[in-house]
Protein backbone atom coordinates (compact mmCIF):
# COMPACT_ATOMS: atom_id res chain seq x y z
CA MET A 1 57.50 63.33 -63.64
CA GLY A 2 59.96 60.56 -63.23
CA ASP A 3 62.89 63.00 -62.54
CA GLU A 4 60.99 64.98 -59.88
CA VAL A 5 62.49 63.06 -56.92
CA HIS A 6 63.76 64.77 -53.79
CA GLN A 7 67.58 64.81 -53.68
CA GLY A 8 69.69 64.22 -50.62
CA GLU A 9 71.74 66.81 -48.72
CA GLU A 10 75.13 68.15 -49.82
CA PRO A 11 78.20 66.67 -48.16
CA GLN A 12 79.22 68.20 -44.82
CA ALA A 13 82.47 69.54 -46.28
CA ARG A 14 80.48 71.99 -48.39
CA ALA A 15 78.13 73.01 -45.66
CA PRO A 16 78.92 76.82 -45.67
CA GLN A 17 78.50 77.11 -49.45
CA ALA A 18 75.59 74.72 -49.41
CA GLY A 19 73.94 76.96 -46.80
CA LYS A 20 74.31 79.99 -49.08
CA ASP A 21 73.01 78.09 -52.03
CA ALA A 22 70.14 76.76 -50.01
CA GLY A 23 69.19 80.22 -48.88
CA ALA A 24 69.37 81.63 -52.40
CA GLY A 25 67.39 78.59 -53.68
CA THR A 26 64.71 79.00 -50.98
CA ALA A 27 64.24 82.70 -51.84
CA ALA A 28 63.96 81.89 -55.54
CA SER A 29 61.47 79.09 -54.78
CA VAL A 30 59.28 81.45 -52.69
CA ARG A 31 59.34 84.03 -55.50
CA VAL A 32 58.38 81.37 -58.11
CA ALA A 33 55.62 79.93 -55.92
CA VAL A 34 54.11 83.34 -55.38
CA ALA A 35 54.32 84.14 -59.09
CA ILE A 36 52.60 80.88 -60.16
CA ALA A 37 49.92 81.30 -57.43
CA CYS A 38 49.24 84.90 -58.76
CA ALA A 39 48.97 83.56 -62.28
CA LEU A 40 46.53 80.82 -61.33
CA PHE A 41 44.51 83.16 -59.07
CA SER A 42 44.16 85.67 -61.88
CA PHE A 43 43.09 82.82 -64.22
CA LEU A 44 40.43 81.68 -61.68
CA ALA A 45 39.17 85.29 -61.11
CA THR A 46 38.91 85.79 -64.85
CA ASN A 47 36.90 82.65 -65.43
CA GLY A 48 34.87 82.84 -62.21
CA SER A 49 33.96 86.53 -62.17
CA ILE A 50 35.17 88.61 -65.13
CA TYR A 51 34.05 86.35 -68.03
CA PRO A 52 30.52 85.85 -66.68
CA GLY A 53 30.23 89.61 -66.46
CA LEU A 54 31.51 89.93 -70.01
CA VAL A 55 28.98 87.38 -71.32
CA ALA A 56 26.17 89.33 -69.74
CA ILE A 57 27.21 92.39 -71.78
CA ASP A 58 28.65 90.93 -74.98
CA PRO A 59 29.52 87.15 -75.20
CA TRP A 60 31.89 87.71 -78.13
CA VAL A 61 34.36 89.74 -76.08
CA ARG A 62 35.50 86.62 -74.24
CA GLU A 63 36.02 84.65 -77.48
CA TRP A 64 38.02 87.46 -79.10
CA ALA A 65 40.16 87.88 -75.98
CA THR A 66 40.95 84.15 -75.79
CA LEU A 67 41.78 84.04 -79.51
CA PHE A 68 44.07 87.05 -79.20
CA GLY A 69 45.89 85.45 -76.22
CA VAL A 70 46.48 82.28 -78.28
CA VAL A 71 47.89 84.34 -81.15
CA VAL A 72 50.33 86.18 -78.85
CA LEU A 73 51.46 82.85 -77.36
CA MET A 74 51.93 81.21 -80.76
CA ALA A 75 53.90 84.31 -81.90
CA LEU A 76 56.28 83.69 -78.90
CA VAL A 77 56.64 80.09 -80.01
CA ALA A 78 57.45 81.11 -83.57
CA VAL A 79 60.06 83.68 -82.39
CA ALA A 80 61.84 81.13 -80.28
CA ARG A 81 61.80 78.54 -82.99
CA TYR A 82 62.70 80.56 -86.03
CA CYS A 83 63.94 84.04 -85.02
CA PRO A 84 65.21 84.24 -81.38
CA CYS A 85 67.06 87.51 -82.20
CA CYS A 86 63.62 89.15 -82.34
CA LEU A 87 63.09 88.31 -78.67
CA ARG A 88 63.30 91.70 -76.86
CA PRO A 89 62.74 91.01 -73.12
CA ARG A 90 62.88 94.71 -72.05
CA LEU A 91 60.45 95.77 -74.80
CA PHE A 92 58.11 92.84 -74.05
CA ASN A 93 58.19 93.67 -70.37
CA GLY A 94 57.34 97.29 -71.03
CA VAL A 95 54.53 96.37 -73.42
CA ALA A 96 53.11 93.86 -70.85
CA LEU A 97 53.18 96.33 -67.95
CA GLY A 98 51.66 99.01 -70.14
CA ALA A 99 48.91 96.54 -71.08
CA VAL A 100 48.26 95.86 -67.38
CA GLY A 101 47.73 99.59 -66.78
CA GLY A 102 45.43 99.90 -69.81
CA TYR A 103 43.49 96.84 -68.82
CA LEU A 104 42.91 98.20 -65.30
CA VAL A 105 41.52 101.52 -66.53
CA LEU A 106 39.53 100.24 -69.57
CA GLY A 107 38.24 97.13 -67.89
CA SER A 108 36.95 99.00 -64.87
CA LEU A 109 35.28 101.71 -67.00
CA GLY A 110 33.88 99.12 -69.37
CA PHE A 111 32.07 97.29 -66.62
CA ARG A 112 30.98 100.48 -64.96
CA TRP A 113 29.44 101.86 -68.23
CA ALA A 114 28.55 98.41 -69.72
CA SER A 115 30.53 99.36 -72.84
CA PRO A 116 31.39 96.41 -75.14
CA GLY A 117 34.09 98.53 -76.94
CA LEU A 118 35.96 99.34 -73.73
CA LEU A 119 35.61 95.82 -72.50
CA LEU A 120 36.93 94.38 -75.75
CA THR A 121 39.94 96.70 -75.75
CA GLY A 122 40.61 96.02 -72.02
CA SER A 123 40.24 92.31 -72.54
CA LEU A 124 42.69 92.27 -75.45
CA LEU A 125 45.23 94.10 -73.28
CA ASP A 126 44.55 91.63 -70.51
CA SER A 127 45.28 88.64 -72.88
CA LEU A 128 48.49 90.33 -74.02
CA ALA A 129 49.79 90.86 -70.52
CA GLU A 130 48.67 87.40 -69.38
CA ALA A 131 50.38 85.66 -72.31
CA TRP A 132 53.80 87.21 -71.62
CA LEU A 133 53.69 87.26 -67.78
CA PHE A 134 52.45 83.72 -67.50
CA VAL A 135 55.21 82.53 -69.73
CA LEU A 136 57.73 84.36 -67.51
CA ALA A 137 56.36 82.54 -64.44
CA TYR A 138 56.82 79.16 -66.15
CA VAL A 139 60.32 80.09 -67.37
CA ALA A 140 61.26 81.08 -63.79
CA PHE A 141 59.91 77.72 -62.55
CA ALA A 142 62.12 75.87 -65.04
CA GLN A 143 65.21 77.53 -63.53
CA LEU A 144 64.69 75.99 -60.09
CA GLU A 145 66.53 72.96 -58.89
CA THR A 146 64.87 69.65 -59.71
CA ALA A 147 64.34 68.79 -56.04
CA ARG A 148 62.49 72.07 -55.31
CA ARG A 149 60.03 71.99 -58.23
CA PRO A 150 57.40 69.60 -56.82
CA VAL A 151 56.81 71.46 -53.59
CA VAL A 152 56.83 74.82 -55.37
CA ALA A 153 54.31 73.66 -57.95
CA MET A 154 52.01 71.96 -55.55
CA GLY A 155 52.19 74.81 -52.98
CA ALA A 156 51.47 77.41 -55.60
CA CYS A 157 48.49 75.52 -57.04
CA LEU A 158 47.12 74.65 -53.66
CA GLY A 159 47.39 78.31 -52.49
CA ALA A 160 45.58 79.55 -55.61
CA TYR A 161 42.76 77.05 -55.32
CA LEU A 162 42.29 77.66 -51.62
CA LEU A 163 41.45 81.25 -52.68
CA GLN A 164 39.15 80.16 -55.50
CA PRO A 165 35.91 80.77 -53.56
CA TRP A 166 36.95 84.38 -52.99
CA ALA A 167 37.95 84.77 -56.65
CA SER A 168 34.49 83.55 -57.75
CA VAL A 169 32.45 86.07 -55.59
CA LEU A 170 34.37 89.15 -56.55
CA ALA A 171 32.55 91.83 -58.44
CA PRO A 172 33.93 92.18 -62.04
CA THR A 173 35.50 95.55 -61.32
CA ALA A 174 37.10 94.20 -58.19
CA ALA A 175 38.31 91.15 -60.07
CA VAL A 176 39.94 93.44 -62.69
CA ALA A 177 41.78 95.28 -59.91
CA ALA A 178 42.82 91.99 -58.29
CA ASN A 179 44.18 90.71 -61.59
CA ALA A 180 46.23 93.87 -62.16
CA VAL A 181 47.70 93.49 -58.66
CA CYS A 182 48.53 89.81 -59.36
CA PHE A 183 50.25 90.73 -62.64
CA ALA A 184 52.41 93.33 -60.91
CA VAL A 185 53.39 90.97 -58.09
CA LEU A 186 54.11 88.18 -60.62
CA PHE A 187 56.43 90.43 -62.62
CA LEU A 188 58.35 91.74 -59.54
CA CYS A 189 58.85 88.15 -58.27
CA VAL A 190 60.23 86.66 -61.53
CA ARG A 191 62.06 89.56 -63.09
CA PRO A 192 65.46 88.82 -61.50
CA LEU A 193 65.08 85.14 -62.20
CA VAL A 194 64.29 85.21 -65.88
CA ALA A 195 66.73 87.95 -67.07
CA ARG A 196 69.56 85.52 -67.78
CA PRO A 197 67.57 82.68 -69.45
CA LEU A 198 65.83 85.22 -71.66
CA ARG A 199 69.17 86.70 -72.74
CA GLU A 200 70.43 83.20 -73.55
CA ALA A 201 67.33 82.39 -75.50
CA GLN A 202 67.79 85.69 -77.47
CA ARG A 203 71.35 84.79 -78.38
CA SER A 204 70.69 81.12 -79.15
CA GLU A 205 70.35 79.58 -82.57
CA PRO A 206 66.85 79.15 -83.91
CA GLN A 207 65.43 76.06 -82.26
CA ALA A 208 64.12 74.77 -85.55
CA GLU A 209 67.66 74.53 -86.75
CA MET A 210 69.00 73.21 -83.41
CA ALA A 211 66.37 70.46 -83.53
CA VAL A 212 67.77 69.21 -86.89
CA ALA A 213 71.16 68.30 -85.42
CA ASN A 214 69.72 67.33 -82.00
CA PRO A 215 66.32 65.80 -82.67
CA GLN A 216 66.07 64.06 -79.29
CA SER A 217 66.48 67.35 -77.45
CA PHE A 218 63.26 68.92 -78.77
CA LEU A 219 59.66 67.76 -78.88
CA PRO A 220 57.87 68.73 -82.09
CA ALA A 221 54.80 70.86 -81.76
CA ASN A 222 52.68 67.98 -83.10
CA HIS A 223 53.97 65.53 -80.51
CA LEU A 224 51.25 63.42 -78.86
CA LEU A 225 52.02 65.01 -75.49
CA PHE A 226 50.93 68.39 -76.82
CA VAL A 227 48.01 66.89 -78.74
CA THR A 228 46.81 65.38 -75.45
CA ILE A 229 46.95 68.71 -73.66
CA PHE A 230 44.75 70.22 -76.46
CA VAL A 231 42.28 67.30 -76.38
CA PHE A 232 41.93 67.41 -72.60
CA SER A 233 41.38 71.19 -72.72
CA VAL A 234 38.65 70.68 -75.36
CA ALA A 235 36.93 68.20 -73.08
CA GLN A 236 37.15 70.64 -70.19
CA GLY A 237 35.61 73.42 -72.35
CA LEU A 238 32.86 71.09 -73.43
CA VAL A 239 31.78 70.07 -69.92
CA ILE A 240 31.76 73.74 -68.91
CA ALA A 241 29.52 74.79 -71.75
CA LEU A 242 27.15 71.93 -72.23
CA PRO A 243 24.84 72.27 -69.09
CA GLY A 244 23.91 75.84 -70.00
CA PRO A 245 20.65 76.75 -68.27
CA PHE A 246 20.15 73.27 -66.90
CA ASN A 247 22.91 73.53 -64.28
CA ASP A 248 23.40 76.95 -62.72
CA ALA A 249 24.24 75.56 -59.29
CA PRO A 250 27.76 76.41 -58.05
CA ALA A 251 30.55 73.94 -57.52
CA LEU A 252 31.60 73.04 -54.06
CA PRO A 253 34.81 74.89 -53.11
CA VAL A 254 36.83 71.66 -52.73
CA ALA A 255 39.01 71.74 -55.91
CA PHE A 256 42.03 72.09 -53.59
CA ILE A 257 41.50 68.68 -51.92
CA PRO A 258 43.21 66.54 -54.66
CA LEU A 259 46.16 68.98 -54.57
CA ALA A 260 46.35 68.76 -50.80
CA VAL A 261 46.30 64.97 -50.96
CA ILE A 262 49.08 64.93 -53.63
CA LEU A 263 51.12 67.25 -51.48
CA VAL A 264 50.69 65.13 -48.34
CA VAL A 265 51.61 61.95 -50.27
CA TYR A 266 54.71 63.69 -51.65
CA LEU A 267 55.85 64.90 -48.23
CA ALA A 268 55.37 61.35 -46.87
CA ARG A 269 57.00 59.48 -49.69
CA ARG A 270 59.22 62.20 -51.26
CA ARG A 271 58.09 61.14 -54.62
CA MET A 272 55.63 62.76 -57.06
CA PRO A 273 53.18 60.73 -59.18
CA ASN A 274 54.57 60.66 -62.69
CA ALA A 275 53.00 62.45 -65.58
CA ASP A 276 50.94 59.42 -66.60
CA GLY A 277 49.46 58.96 -63.15
CA LEU A 278 48.63 62.61 -62.74
CA PHE A 279 46.99 62.76 -66.18
CA ALA A 280 44.97 59.67 -65.44
CA LEU A 281 43.63 61.34 -62.26
CA CYS A 282 42.74 64.47 -64.27
CA ALA A 283 40.97 62.35 -66.94
CA LEU A 284 38.98 60.32 -64.41
CA LEU A 285 37.66 63.50 -62.73
CA ILE A 286 36.65 65.08 -65.99
CA ILE A 287 35.04 61.86 -67.30
CA ALA A 288 33.06 61.51 -64.03
CA GLY A 289 31.86 65.04 -64.34
CA MET A 290 30.81 64.43 -67.99
CA PHE A 291 28.75 61.30 -67.09
CA LEU A 292 27.23 63.03 -64.13
CA GLN A 293 26.00 66.20 -65.95
CA PRO A 294 22.63 64.88 -67.18
CA SER A 295 21.56 63.75 -63.62
CA ASP A 296 23.37 66.52 -61.78
CA ARG A 297 20.20 68.12 -60.41
CA LEU A 298 18.90 64.77 -59.18
CA VAL A 299 22.18 64.02 -57.45
CA SER A 300 22.99 67.42 -55.94
CA GLY A 301 19.42 68.73 -55.49
CA GLY A 302 20.29 72.00 -57.19
CA VAL A 303 22.14 73.28 -54.12
CA ALA A 304 25.59 72.52 -55.45
CA SER A 305 26.79 70.99 -58.70
CA ALA A 306 28.41 67.59 -58.31
CA SER A 307 29.62 67.59 -61.93
CA ASN A 308 31.10 71.05 -61.68
CA THR A 309 32.86 70.10 -58.48
CA LEU A 310 34.50 67.18 -60.15
CA ILE A 311 35.40 69.22 -63.18
CA ASP A 312 37.03 71.94 -60.99
CA ALA A 313 38.98 69.19 -59.20
CA GLY A 314 40.22 67.79 -62.51
CA ALA A 315 41.16 71.34 -63.73
CA SER A 316 43.22 71.94 -60.56
CA CYS A 317 45.18 68.75 -61.08
CA PHE A 318 45.63 69.60 -64.76
CA ASN A 319 47.11 73.00 -63.90
CA LEU A 320 49.56 71.24 -61.62
CA LEU A 321 50.37 68.83 -64.47
CA LEU A 322 51.11 71.65 -66.88
CA VAL A 323 53.45 73.40 -64.45
CA LEU A 324 55.37 70.21 -63.80
CA LEU A 325 55.53 69.26 -67.44
CA VAL A 326 57.15 72.58 -68.29
CA GLY A 327 59.61 72.15 -65.52
CA SER A 328 60.48 68.58 -66.49
CA ILE A 329 60.91 69.30 -70.22
CA ALA A 330 62.87 72.50 -69.69
CA GLY A 331 64.90 70.87 -66.90
CA ARG A 332 66.38 68.50 -69.50
CA ASN A 333 66.80 71.19 -72.09
CA ARG A 334 66.54 74.71 -70.66
CA VAL A 335 66.55 76.33 -74.09
CA THR A 336 62.99 75.09 -74.56
CA ALA A 337 61.57 76.74 -71.43
CA LEU A 338 59.96 79.74 -73.20
CA PRO A 339 58.48 78.01 -76.25
CA THR A 340 57.30 75.03 -74.25
CA ALA A 341 55.48 77.23 -71.76
CA ALA A 342 53.96 79.37 -74.49
CA LEU A 343 52.86 76.40 -76.51
CA MET A 344 51.25 74.63 -73.61
CA LEU A 345 49.38 77.72 -72.50
CA ALA A 346 48.25 78.30 -76.13
CA LEU A 347 46.97 74.75 -76.38
CA TYR A 348 45.16 75.03 -73.06
CA TRP A 349 43.51 78.36 -73.78
CA SER A 350 42.55 77.45 -77.37
CA GLY A 351 41.33 73.98 -76.33
CA VAL A 352 39.00 75.37 -73.59
CA GLY A 353 37.75 77.99 -76.05
CA ALA A 354 37.15 75.47 -78.80
CA GLY A 355 35.43 73.11 -76.45
CA ALA A 356 33.06 75.89 -75.25
CA VAL A 357 32.21 76.78 -78.84
CA LEU A 358 31.56 73.15 -79.77
CA GLY A 359 29.40 72.61 -76.68
CA ASN A 360 27.33 75.70 -77.26
CA SER A 361 26.95 74.93 -80.93
CA ALA A 362 25.93 71.31 -80.34
CA MET A 363 23.31 72.30 -77.78
CA ALA A 364 22.02 75.13 -79.99
CA LEU A 365 21.72 72.75 -82.94
CA LEU A 366 19.84 70.18 -80.87
CA GLY A 367 17.54 72.70 -79.23
CA TRP A 368 18.85 73.16 -75.67
CA THR A 369 16.75 70.32 -74.22
CA GLU A 370 17.52 68.00 -71.38
CA GLU A 371 17.42 65.10 -73.83
CA ALA A 372 20.02 66.89 -75.99
CA LEU A 373 22.16 67.36 -72.85
CA VAL A 374 22.02 63.64 -72.12
CA TRP A 375 23.12 62.56 -75.61
CA THR A 376 25.71 65.29 -76.08
CA SER A 377 27.30 64.62 -72.68
CA PHE A 378 27.35 60.87 -73.30
CA ALA A 379 28.88 61.25 -76.79
CA SER A 380 31.51 63.69 -75.57
CA ALA A 381 32.48 61.38 -72.67
CA MET A 382 32.72 58.37 -75.00
CA VAL A 383 34.95 60.20 -77.44
CA PHE A 384 37.25 61.35 -74.68
CA VAL A 385 37.33 57.88 -73.14
CA THR A 386 38.13 56.40 -76.59
CA PHE A 387 40.99 58.80 -77.01
CA CYS A 388 42.42 57.99 -73.54
CA PHE A 389 42.19 54.19 -73.93
CA LEU A 390 43.07 53.74 -77.57
CA VAL A 391 45.29 56.62 -78.66
CA LEU A 392 47.22 56.89 -75.35
CA LYS A 393 47.26 53.17 -74.71
CA ASN A 394 50.92 52.57 -75.52
CA VAL A 395 52.16 56.10 -74.85
CA SER A 396 53.98 57.23 -71.72
CA PHE A 397 54.50 60.84 -70.98
CA ALA A 398 57.12 60.01 -68.34
CA GLU A 399 59.14 57.91 -70.86
CA THR A 400 58.78 60.70 -73.46
CA ILE A 401 60.17 63.29 -71.03
CA GLY A 402 62.90 60.89 -69.84
CA ALA A 403 64.08 60.35 -73.46
CA ILE A 404 64.76 64.11 -73.94
CA ARG A 405 68.49 64.66 -74.04
CA ALA A 406 70.31 67.90 -73.31
CA PRO A 407 71.64 69.40 -76.61
CA GLU A 408 75.39 69.10 -77.16
CA PRO A 409 76.90 72.27 -75.70
CA ALA A 410 79.56 72.45 -78.36
CA VAL A 411 80.02 70.10 -81.29
CA VAL A 412 83.71 69.24 -81.80
CA ALA A 413 84.34 68.73 -85.51
CA VAL A 414 86.67 66.18 -86.91
CA LYS A 415 88.87 68.86 -88.50
CA PRO A 416 86.94 72.10 -88.61
CA GLN A 417 88.01 74.22 -91.57
CA GLU A 418 87.85 77.99 -91.49
CA GLU A 419 85.78 79.63 -94.15
CA GLY A 420 87.93 80.80 -97.00
CA VAL A 421 90.95 78.61 -96.07
CA ALA A 422 92.19 76.08 -98.65
CA SER A 423 91.19 72.57 -97.82
CA ASP A 424 93.44 70.56 -100.08
CA GLY A 425 96.10 69.55 -97.52
CA PRO A 426 96.75 65.97 -96.41
CA GLU A 427 94.74 66.35 -93.17
CA SER A 428 91.70 67.62 -95.13
CA ALA A 429 92.09 64.86 -97.59
CA SER A 430 92.14 62.40 -94.74
CA VAL A 431 88.96 63.83 -93.24
CA SER A 432 87.26 63.84 -96.62
CA ALA A 433 88.35 60.24 -97.21
CA ARG A 434 86.90 59.24 -93.86
CA CYS A 435 83.54 60.90 -94.65
CA ASP A 436 83.47 59.29 -98.07
CA ALA A 437 84.22 55.88 -96.57
CA VAL A 438 81.47 56.22 -93.93
CA ALA A 439 79.01 57.54 -96.49
CA ALA A 440 79.74 54.50 -98.78
CA ALA A 441 79.64 52.01 -95.92
CA PHE A 442 76.18 53.18 -94.79
CA GLY A 443 74.71 53.71 -98.23
CA LEU A 444 74.24 57.47 -98.19
CA THR A 445 72.95 59.17 -101.33
CA PRO A 446 75.16 61.83 -103.07
CA ARG A 447 73.11 64.64 -101.51
CA GLU A 448 73.13 62.97 -98.08
CA SER A 449 76.91 62.61 -98.43
CA GLU A 450 77.20 66.38 -98.93
CA VAL A 451 75.12 67.11 -95.84
CA PHE A 452 77.00 64.39 -93.91
CA ALA A 453 80.37 65.84 -94.70
CA LEU A 454 79.31 69.30 -93.44
CA LEU A 455 77.79 67.84 -90.27
CA ALA A 456 81.03 65.96 -89.62
CA GLN A 457 82.89 69.26 -89.85
CA GLY A 458 80.67 70.66 -87.07
CA ARG A 459 78.68 72.93 -89.37
CA THR A 460 75.35 74.22 -88.04
CA VAL A 461 72.17 73.70 -90.04
CA GLY A 462 72.21 77.39 -90.92
CA VAL A 463 75.60 77.07 -92.60
CA ILE A 464 74.54 73.90 -94.37
CA ARG A 465 71.43 75.60 -95.74
CA GLU A 466 73.54 78.45 -97.14
CA LYS A 467 76.33 76.30 -98.59
CA LEU A 468 74.01 73.79 -100.27
CA VAL A 469 71.20 76.32 -101.03
CA ILE A 470 68.50 74.15 -99.55
CA SER A 471 65.49 74.84 -97.26
CA LEU A 472 65.31 73.95 -93.56
CA ASN A 473 62.81 71.17 -94.33
CA THR A 474 65.16 69.67 -96.85
CA ALA A 475 68.08 69.84 -94.36
CA ARG A 476 65.91 68.23 -91.74
CA PHE A 477 64.88 65.49 -94.14
CA HIS A 478 68.43 64.64 -95.16
CA THR A 479 69.75 64.83 -91.57
CA LYS A 480 66.94 62.53 -90.31
CA ASN A 481 67.81 59.97 -93.02
CA ILE A 482 71.51 60.22 -92.22
CA TYR A 483 70.98 59.74 -88.49
CA ALA A 484 68.70 56.73 -89.22
CA LYS A 485 71.24 55.06 -91.50
CA LEU A 486 74.16 55.63 -89.09
CA GLY A 487 72.11 54.74 -85.96
CA VAL A 488 72.99 58.07 -84.17
CA HIS A 489 70.88 60.67 -82.40
CA SER A 490 73.00 63.83 -82.46
CA GLN A 491 75.64 65.63 -84.42
CA GLN A 492 78.31 64.77 -81.88
CA GLU A 493 77.51 61.07 -82.14
CA LEU A 494 77.85 61.39 -85.96
CA ILE A 495 81.31 62.97 -85.55
CA ASP A 496 82.20 60.18 -83.24
CA VAL A 497 81.39 57.66 -85.89
CA VAL A 498 83.72 59.41 -88.38
CA GLU A 499 86.53 59.63 -85.78
CA ALA A 500 86.07 55.96 -85.02
CA SER A 501 86.32 55.07 -88.70
CA GLY A 502 89.59 56.95 -88.94
CA SER A 503 90.98 55.15 -85.88
CA ALA A 504 89.90 51.75 -87.29
CA SER A 505 91.60 52.46 -90.61
CA THR A 506 94.95 53.40 -88.94
CA SER A 507 95.03 50.47 -86.59
């Protein structure tokens, strides 16, 4: 992240207040670090202990649980984008905590009695709680000062992966209990930190409408950054599923080493690698694991899996990347913290699930032979390499994040008119004349001129939709064309153009 650079100290004159702020900031940082570590540890325990136990009883339970978690996350994205008034933090908190209790009871009984029904219900409750609580952890992280985020993210990820060996050897029932404890600790840590941003998100305009007037403040869901997260997750799911019975050796518990190296480099240089460098490291580790899979037994002797070790290391760096991406994007536009976190988690979970399904399907189709493993691993690696070198060739995540602008806090209209007030006075005529002059000068169509006049008055997209009786997509289309013709990037810049035209005409 280009903006994740350690900041200098406050001036001496502000030392007492700075000391108080630093103390509060340190306490918040510790809380967030613990919350993220709990989230990652529960993720590792689920994949390392609970899911293998589920597969032994009913393999479809895992797939349904993953799908349900993705649906919950995408529902949160939709609420933030289109209907933020439906965001009910207290209700969602209560539902999540109730789901944790139900998951603890049903999951434990399901494993004890080997009951697919109880395990399915418990896993769905687990996915529901994970989706909301993990998003809260990311939202809390986005509230931290820029200078504190790198150490918090690296410390949390490093702590979770140091405990990975223990998470992998837990019995399924013990892992369920450990997850429930992690969820409770996570919630207690972040609750005081997310109350205010959640209230602000609830009271804000729909982000789909805000993005029309401030397109550079919001990344669309189909942006290449999000596509890349999904593709990488698919690759990770593929390499996990492909070996099947040919590679049952465990990974060496060294996934924390890349994180430790990154942390040491940061403490020495006070500078994080940017998003592009961190993604390149993740991709290299995953690609190496892909190419090593067919000869893994020969290389590691069946004692430990070299390919799985590389894959785990790549996954640890990727989790760090996700945390920092949410912090960097939301740091530039805090309104996007909740939907960005939910979208990234949804893409990650769905990508890993889709990759696992593709890997199992490909091997089942080819017959689960070592020759099939060789060709499938090679083909998967080449597709991923092609994506990295061709699709991402001229794309920079750091530049994309750096181009995000904070939305205008309040658009000042040229001469805002109150609803229902006559607008035939000389000042109104002057504003209208200015808008007509600008529209004519830049070649706006009649419909674009109508939208332009309302934008120049400071109208929101919601008001424009109602007054002109058009859809959001139509308003977005016209606004995009108007911005392109005027060479502006926000509603405030558009208003500035109209004001400048008035000043030029009077001079």
